[in-house]
Amino acid sequence: MSTELSTQIEVIAVDAHTGSHLFKEVLLGILSFKTVIYVTHQVEFLHAADLILVMKNGRITQAGKELLIQPLRG
């Protein structure tokens, strides 16, 4: 049995300024040495990701460090 403590933090519906602040201060600051799974539609945060997964209909459609995100059609 692992002694590693897993913590889940959920932030729901914050304005753009607050979201940006949380991203910079918490994810890039306080949690910078932790594994973080960050789910967002805001592409301005992609530059800081080690791995980007793009999903459509519950499936991974693209994966990589830096992606050229193309608009989804259909």
PDB file of N, CA and C in Angstrom:
ATOM      1  N   MET A   1       0.841  -1.179   0.000  1.00  0.00           N
ATOM      2  CA  MET A   1       0.000   0.000   0.000  1.00  0.00           C
ATOM      3  C   MET A   1       0.887   1.244   0.000  1.00  0.00           C
ATOM      4  N   SER A   2       0.562   2.184  -0.835  1.00  0.00           N
ATOM      5  CA  SER A   2       1.357   3.404  -0.969  1.00  0.00           C
ATOM      6  C   SER A   2       1.080   4.366   0.184  1.00  0.00           C
ATOM      7  N   THR A   3       2.134   5.021   0.644  1.00  0.00           N
ATOM      8  CA  THR A   3       1.959   6.044   1.675  1.00  0.00           C
ATOM      9  C   THR A   3       1.835   7.426   1.055  1.00  0.00           C
ATOM     10  N   GLU A   4       1.904   7.488  -0.278  1.00  0.00           N
ATOM     11  CA  GLU A   4       1.783   8.756  -1.003  1.00  0.00           C
ATOM     12  C   GLU A   4       0.380   9.318  -0.826  1.00  0.00           C
ATOM     13  N   LEU A   5       0.288  10.566  -0.460  1.00  0.00           N
ATOM     14  CA  LEU A   5      -0.999  11.223  -0.287  1.00  0.00           C
ATOM     15  C   LEU A   5      -1.406  11.869  -1.599  1.00  0.00           C
ATOM     16  N   SER A   6      -2.569  11.541  -2.072  1.00  0.00           N
ATOM     17  CA  SER A   6      -3.088  12.128  -3.302  1.00  0.00           C
ATOM     18  C   SER A   6      -4.088  13.204  -2.923  1.00  0.00           C
ATOM     19  N   THR A   7      -3.942  14.365  -3.517  1.00  0.00           N
ATOM     20  CA  THR A   7      -4.828  15.476  -3.228  1.00  0.00           C
ATOM     21  C   THR A   7      -5.460  15.934  -4.518  1.00  0.00           C
ATOM     22  N   GLN A   8      -6.754  16.140  -4.473  1.00  0.00           N
ATOM     23  CA  GLN A   8      -7.465  16.648  -5.638  1.00  0.00           C
ATOM     24  C   GLN A   8      -8.012  18.014  -5.285  1.00  0.00           C
ATOM     25  N   ILE A   9      -7.681  18.981  -6.118  1.00  0.00           N
ATOM     26  CA  ILE A   9      -8.164  20.345  -5.926  1.00  0.00           C
ATOM     27  C   ILE A   9      -9.005  20.701  -7.132  1.00  0.00           C
ATOM     28  N   GLU A  10     -10.206  21.165  -6.894  1.00  0.00           N
ATOM     29  CA  GLU A  10     -11.069  21.563  -7.999  1.00  0.00           C
ATOM     30  C   GLU A  10     -11.363  23.052  -7.899  1.00  0.00           C
ATOM     31  N   VAL A  11     -11.177  23.740  -8.989  1.00  0.00           N
ATOM     32  CA  VAL A  11     -11.515  25.150  -9.077  1.00  0.00           C
ATOM     33  C   VAL A  11     -12.548  25.276 -10.178  1.00  0.00           C
ATOM     34  N   ILE A  12     -13.677  25.828  -9.844  1.00  0.00           N
ATOM     35  CA  ILE A  12     -14.773  25.888 -10.808  1.00  0.00           C
ATOM     36  C   ILE A  12     -15.181  27.341 -11.042  1.00  0.00           C
ATOM     37  N   ALA A  13     -15.328  27.698 -12.302  1.00  0.00           N
ATOM     38  CA  ALA A  13     -15.903  28.979 -12.717  1.00  0.00           C
ATOM     39  C   ALA A  13     -15.256  30.200 -12.058  1.00  0.00           C
ATOM     40  N   VAL A  14     -14.001  30.440 -12.400  1.00  0.00           N
ATOM     41  CA  VAL A  14     -13.344  31.667 -11.947  1.00  0.00           C
ATOM     42  C   VAL A  14     -13.164  32.585 -13.144  1.00  0.00           C
ATOM     43  N   ASP A  15     -13.078  33.879 -12.894  1.00  0.00           N
ATOM     44  CA  ASP A  15     -12.888  34.818 -13.997  1.00  0.00           C
ATOM     45  C   ASP A  15     -11.468  34.701 -14.537  1.00  0.00           C
ATOM     46  N   ALA A  16     -11.219  35.316 -15.677  1.00  0.00           N
ATOM     47  CA  ALA A  16      -9.933  35.191 -16.370  1.00  0.00           C
ATOM     48  C   ALA A  16      -8.766  35.663 -15.505  1.00  0.00           C
ATOM     49  N   HIS A  17      -8.925  36.770 -14.819  1.00  0.00           N
ATOM     50  CA  HIS A  17      -7.845  37.306 -13.978  1.00  0.00           C
ATOM     51  C   HIS A  17      -7.518  36.337 -12.841  1.00  0.00           C
ATOM     52  N   THR A  18      -8.536  35.829 -12.161  1.00  0.00           N
ATOM     53  CA  THR A  18      -8.330  34.896 -11.049  1.00  0.00           C
ATOM     54  C   THR A  18      -7.724  33.590 -11.548  1.00  0.00           C
ATOM     55  N   GLY A  19      -8.209  33.080 -12.684  1.00  0.00           N
ATOM     56  CA  GLY A  19      -7.670  31.856 -13.259  1.00  0.00           C
ATOM     57  C   GLY A  19      -6.205  31.995 -13.600  1.00  0.00           C
ATOM     58  N   SER A  20      -5.835  33.115 -14.179  1.00  0.00           N
ATOM     59  CA  SER A  20      -4.442  33.372 -14.525  1.00  0.00           C
ATOM     60  C   SER A  20      -3.577  33.443 -13.267  1.00  0.00           C
ATOM     61  N   HIS A  21      -4.070  34.110 -12.255  1.00  0.00           N
ATOM     62  CA  HIS A  21      -3.346  34.223 -10.986  1.00  0.00           C
ATOM     63  C   HIS A  21      -3.147  32.840 -10.352  1.00  0.00           C
ATOM     64  N   LEU A  22      -4.211  32.050 -10.304  1.00  0.00           N
ATOM     65  CA  LEU A  22      -4.118  30.705  -9.738  1.00  0.00           C
ATOM     66  C   LEU A  22      -3.123  29.854 -10.508  1.00  0.00           C
ATOM     67  N   PHE A  23      -3.158  29.946 -11.824  1.00  0.00           N
ATOM     68  CA  PHE A  23      -2.240  29.168 -12.652  1.00  0.00           C
ATOM     69  C   PHE A  23      -0.798  29.534 -12.343  1.00  0.00           C
ATOM     70  N   LYS A  24      -0.498  30.817 -12.331  1.00  0.00           N
ATOM     71  CA  LYS A  24       0.876  31.273 -12.107  1.00  0.00           C
ATOM     72  C   LYS A  24       1.361  31.000 -10.690  1.00  0.00           C
ATOM     73  N   GLU A  25       0.554  31.366  -9.694  1.00  0.00           N
ATOM     74  CA  GLU A  25       0.997  31.263  -8.303  1.00  0.00           C
ATOM     75  C   GLU A  25       0.918  29.844  -7.740  1.00  0.00           C
ATOM     76  N   VAL A  26      -0.117  29.111  -8.098  1.00  0.00           N
ATOM     77  CA  VAL A  26      -0.299  27.779  -7.514  1.00  0.00           C
ATOM     78  C   VAL A  26       0.345  26.696  -8.378  1.00  0.00           C
ATOM     79  N   LEU A  27      -0.054  26.600  -9.642  1.00  0.00           N
ATOM     80  CA  LEU A  27       0.464  25.512 -10.478  1.00  0.00           C
ATOM     81  C   LEU A  27       1.934  25.698 -10.826  1.00  0.00           C
ATOM     82  N   LEU A  28       2.329  26.902 -11.193  1.00  0.00           N
ATOM     83  CA  LEU A  28       3.737  27.137 -11.555  1.00  0.00           C
ATOM     84  C   LEU A  28       4.595  27.479 -10.346  1.00  0.00           C
ATOM     85  N   GLY A  29       3.964  27.768  -9.219  1.00  0.00           N
ATOM     86  CA  GLY A  29       4.698  28.120  -8.012  1.00  0.00           C
ATOM     87  C   GLY A  29       4.657  27.022  -6.973  1.00  0.00           C
ATOM     88  N   ILE A  30       3.613  27.015  -6.169  1.00  0.00           N
ATOM     89  CA  ILE A  30       3.493  26.098  -5.042  1.00  0.00           C
ATOM     90  C   ILE A  30       3.572  24.630  -5.468  1.00  0.00           C
ATOM     91  N   LEU A  31       2.911  24.283  -6.568  1.00  0.00           N
ATOM     92  CA  LEU A  31       2.854  22.883  -7.002  1.00  0.00           C
ATOM     93  C   LEU A  31       3.853  22.551  -8.112  1.00  0.00           C
ATOM     94  N   SER A  32       4.847  23.382  -8.299  1.00  0.00           N
ATOM     95  CA  SER A  32       5.761  23.205  -9.426  1.00  0.00           C
ATOM     96  C   SER A  32       6.563  21.901  -9.379  1.00  0.00           C
ATOM     97  N   PHE A  33       6.704  21.296  -8.215  1.00  0.00           N
ATOM     98  CA  PHE A  33       7.452  20.041  -8.105  1.00  0.00           C
ATOM     99  C   PHE A  33       6.534  18.840  -7.920  1.00  0.00           C
ATOM    100  N   LYS A  34       5.246  19.031  -8.182  1.00  0.00           N
ATOM    101  CA  LYS A  34       4.257  17.960  -8.062  1.00  0.00           C
ATOM    102  C   LYS A  34       3.722  17.602  -9.439  1.00  0.00           C
ATOM    103  N   THR A  35       3.160  16.417  -9.554  1.00  0.00           N
ATOM    104  CA  THR A  35       2.470  16.035 -10.782  1.00  0.00           C
ATOM    105  C   THR A  35       1.076  16.635 -10.732  1.00  0.00           C
ATOM    106  N   VAL A  36       0.729  17.398 -11.761  1.00  0.00           N
ATOM    107  CA  VAL A  36      -0.567  18.075 -11.812  1.00  0.00           C
ATOM    108  C   VAL A  36      -1.247  17.731 -13.124  1.00  0.00           C
ATOM    109  N   ILE A  37      -2.495  17.354 -13.039  1.00  0.00           N
ATOM    110  CA  ILE A  37      -3.314  17.170 -14.238  1.00  0.00           C
ATOM    111  C   ILE A  37      -4.245  18.371 -14.288  1.00  0.00           C
ATOM    112  N   TYR A  38      -4.058  19.187 -15.300  1.00  0.00           N
ATOM    113  CA  TYR A  38      -4.797  20.453 -15.420  1.00  0.00           C
ATOM    114  C   TYR A  38      -5.702  20.360 -16.639  1.00  0.00           C
ATOM    115  N   VAL A  39      -6.988  20.486 -16.409  1.00  0.00           N
ATOM    116  CA  VAL A  39      -7.972  20.380 -17.490  1.00  0.00           C
ATOM    117  C   VAL A  39      -8.509  21.773 -17.772  1.00  0.00           C
ATOM    118  N   THR A  40      -8.379  22.206 -19.029  1.00  0.00           N
ATOM    119  CA  THR A  40      -8.817  23.562 -19.371  1.00  0.00           C
ATOM    120  C   THR A  40      -9.118  23.672 -20.854  1.00  0.00           C
ATOM    121  N   HIS A  41      -9.888  24.680 -21.192  1.00  0.00           N
ATOM    122  CA  HIS A  41     -10.106  25.055 -22.588  1.00  0.00           C
ATOM    123  C   HIS A  41      -9.239  26.252 -22.947  1.00  0.00           C
ATOM    124  N   GLN A  42      -8.513  26.787 -21.982  1.00  0.00           N
ATOM    125  CA  GLN A  42      -7.729  28.002 -22.179  1.00  0.00           C
ATOM    126  C   GLN A  42      -6.349  27.661 -22.750  1.00  0.00           C
ATOM    127  N   VAL A  43      -6.189  27.889 -24.043  1.00  0.00           N
ATOM    128  CA  VAL A  43      -4.947  27.512 -24.723  1.00  0.00           C
ATOM    129  C   VAL A  43      -3.753  28.379 -24.333  1.00  0.00           C
ATOM    130  N   GLU A  44      -3.953  29.512 -23.687  1.00  0.00           N
ATOM    131  CA  GLU A  44      -2.817  30.355 -23.312  1.00  0.00           C
ATOM    132  C   GLU A  44      -1.941  29.712 -22.244  1.00  0.00           C
ATOM    133  N   PHE A  45      -2.401  28.634 -21.604  1.00  0.00           N
ATOM    134  CA  PHE A  45      -1.600  27.953 -20.594  1.00  0.00           C
ATOM    135  C   PHE A  45      -0.810  26.782 -21.159  1.00  0.00           C
ATOM    136  N   LEU A  46      -0.988  26.456 -22.430  1.00  0.00           N
ATOM    137  CA  LEU A  46      -0.348  25.270 -23.008  1.00  0.00           C
ATOM    138  C   LEU A  46       1.175  25.337 -22.996  1.00  0.00           C
ATOM    139  N   HIS A  47       1.746  26.529 -23.105  1.00  0.00           N
ATOM    140  CA  HIS A  47       3.204  26.674 -23.154  1.00  0.00           C
ATOM    141  C   HIS A  47       3.899  26.096 -21.920  1.00  0.00           C
ATOM    142  N   ALA A  48       3.218  26.041 -20.803  1.00  0.00           N
ATOM    143  CA  ALA A  48       3.825  25.586 -19.550  1.00  0.00           C
ATOM    144  C   ALA A  48       3.701  24.080 -19.327  1.00  0.00           C
ATOM    145  N   ALA A  49       2.987  23.395 -20.193  1.00  0.00           N
ATOM    146  CA  ALA A  49       2.731  21.967 -19.998  1.00  0.00           C
ATOM    147  C   ALA A  49       3.903  21.103 -20.441  1.00  0.00           C
ATOM    148  N   ASP A  50       4.155  20.045 -19.696  1.00  0.00           N
ATOM    149  CA  ASP A  50       5.156  19.047 -20.096  1.00  0.00           C
ATOM    150  C   ASP A  50       4.577  18.105 -21.136  1.00  0.00           C
ATOM    151  N   LEU A  51       3.284  17.838 -21.030  1.00  0.00           N
ATOM    152  CA  LEU A  51       2.598  16.959 -21.968  1.00  0.00           C
ATOM    153  C   LEU A  51       1.185  17.481 -22.155  1.00  0.00           C
ATOM    154  N   ILE A  52       0.766  17.594 -23.403  1.00  0.00           N
ATOM    155  CA  ILE A  52      -0.582  18.077 -23.729  1.00  0.00           C
ATOM    156  C   ILE A  52      -1.350  16.930 -24.360  1.00  0.00           C
ATOM    157  N   LEU A  53      -2.537  16.689 -23.849  1.00  0.00           N
ATOM    158  CA  LEU A  53      -3.430  15.694 -24.430  1.00  0.00           C
ATOM    159  C   LEU A  53      -4.681  16.418 -24.905  1.00  0.00           C
ATOM    160  N   VAL A  54      -5.041  16.214 -26.159  1.00  0.00           N
ATOM    161  CA  VAL A  54      -6.266  16.787 -26.708  1.00  0.00           C
ATOM    162  C   VAL A  54      -7.265  15.646 -26.828  1.00  0.00           C
ATOM    163  N   MET A  55      -8.463  15.885 -26.295  1.00  0.00           N
ATOM    164  CA  MET A  55      -9.475  14.831 -26.308  1.00  0.00           C
ATOM    165  C   MET A  55     -10.705  15.262 -27.088  1.00  0.00           C
ATOM    166  N   LYS A  56     -11.329  14.300 -27.731  1.00  0.00           N
ATOM    167  CA  LYS A  56     -12.583  14.519 -28.434  1.00  0.00           C
ATOM    168  C   LYS A  56     -13.433  13.269 -28.241  1.00  0.00           C
ATOM    169  N   ASN A  57     -14.652  13.462 -27.808  1.00  0.00           N
ATOM    170  CA  ASN A  57     -15.579  12.356 -27.566  1.00  0.00           C
ATOM    171  C   ASN A  57     -14.982  11.296 -26.637  1.00  0.00           C
ATOM    172  N   GLY A  58     -14.255  11.740 -25.615  1.00  0.00           N
ATOM    173  CA  GLY A  58     -13.703  10.824 -24.627  1.00  0.00           C
ATOM    174  C   GLY A  58     -12.455  10.082 -25.048  1.00  0.00           C
ATOM    175  N   ARG A  59     -11.888  10.422 -26.194  1.00  0.00           N
ATOM    176  CA  ARG A  59     -10.681   9.752 -26.689  1.00  0.00           C
ATOM    177  C   ARG A  59      -9.570  10.771 -26.933  1.00  0.00           C
ATOM    178  N   ILE A  60      -8.338  10.351 -26.694  1.00  0.00           N
ATOM    179  CA  ILE A  60      -7.185  11.209 -26.959  1.00  0.00           C
ATOM    180  C   ILE A  60      -6.963  11.253 -28.463  1.00  0.00           C
ATOM    181  N   THR A  61      -6.975  12.473 -29.026  1.00  0.00           N
ATOM    182  CA  THR A  61      -6.782  12.636 -30.464  1.00  0.00           C
ATOM    183  C   THR A  61      -5.407  13.186 -30.814  1.00  0.00           C
ATOM    184  N   GLN A  62      -4.755  13.870 -29.870  1.00  0.00           N
ATOM    185  CA  GLN A  62      -3.413  14.403 -30.083  1.00  0.00           C
ATOM    186  C   GLN A  62      -2.661  14.340 -28.758  1.00  0.00           C
ATOM    187  N   ALA A  63      -1.352  14.148 -28.826  1.00  0.00           N
ATOM    188  CA  ALA A  63      -0.517  14.154 -27.628  1.00  0.00           C
ATOM    189  C   ALA A  63       0.859  14.670 -28.001  1.00  0.00           C
ATOM    190  N   GLY A  64       1.448  15.452 -27.128  1.00  0.00           N
ATOM    191  CA  GLY A  64       2.792  15.947 -27.377  1.00  0.00           C
ATOM    192  C   GLY A  64       3.148  17.116 -26.498  1.00  0.00           C
ATOM    193  N   LYS A  65       4.350  17.610 -26.656  1.00  0.00           N
ATOM    194  CA  LYS A  65       4.837  18.764 -25.885  1.00  0.00           C
ATOM    195  C   LYS A  65       4.234  20.057 -26.403  1.00  0.00           C
ATOM    196  N   GLU A  66       4.389  20.284 -27.682  1.00  0.00           N
ATOM    197  CA  GLU A  66       3.842  21.494 -28.286  1.00  0.00           C
ATOM    198  C   GLU A  66       2.980  21.071 -29.465  1.00  0.00           C
ATOM    199  N   LEU A  67       1.740  21.432 -29.411  1.00  0.00           N
ATOM    200  CA  LEU A  67       0.811  21.013 -30.455  1.00  0.00           C
ATOM    201  C   LEU A  67       0.325  22.210 -31.251  1.00  0.00           C
ATOM    202  N   LEU A  68       0.077  21.972 -32.495  1.00  0.00           N
ATOM    203  CA  LEU A  68      -0.630  22.954 -33.284  1.00  0.00           C
ATOM    204  C   LEU A  68      -2.098  22.585 -33.184  1.00  0.00           C
ATOM    205  N   ILE A  69      -2.804  23.305 -32.375  1.00  0.00           N
ATOM    206  CA  ILE A  69      -4.210  22.987 -32.140  1.00  0.00           C
ATOM    207  C   ILE A  69      -5.031  23.502 -33.313  1.00  0.00           C
ATOM    208  N   GLN A  70      -5.718  22.587 -33.946  1.00  0.00           N
ATOM    209  CA  GLN A  70      -6.566  22.940 -35.070  1.00  0.00           C
ATOM    210  C   GLN A  70      -8.019  22.884 -34.623  1.00  0.00           C
ATOM    211  N   PRO A  71      -8.843  23.775 -35.139  1.00  0.00           N
ATOM    212  CA  PRO A  71     -10.254  23.755 -34.762  1.00  0.00           C
ATOM    213  C   PRO A  71     -10.888  22.402 -35.083  1.00  0.00           C
ATOM    214  N   LEU A  72     -11.710  21.928 -34.162  1.00  0.00           N
ATOM    215  CA  LEU A  72     -12.400  20.670 -34.388  1.00  0.00           C
ATOM    216  C   LEU A  72     -13.548  20.901 -35.357  1.00  0.00           C
ATOM    217  N   ARG A  73     -13.682  20.018 -36.303  1.00  0.00           N
ATOM    218  CA  ARG A  73     -14.762  20.127 -37.273  1.00  0.00           C
ATOM    219  C   ARG A  73     -15.777  19.026 -36.994  1.00  0.00           C
ATOM    220  N   GLY A  74     -17.031  19.323 -37.301  1.00  0.00           N
ATOM    221  CA  GLY A  74     -18.034  18.289 -37.172  1.00  0.00           C
ATOM    222  C   GLY A  74     -18.927  18.587 -36.088  1.00  0.00           C
TER     223      GLY A  74
END
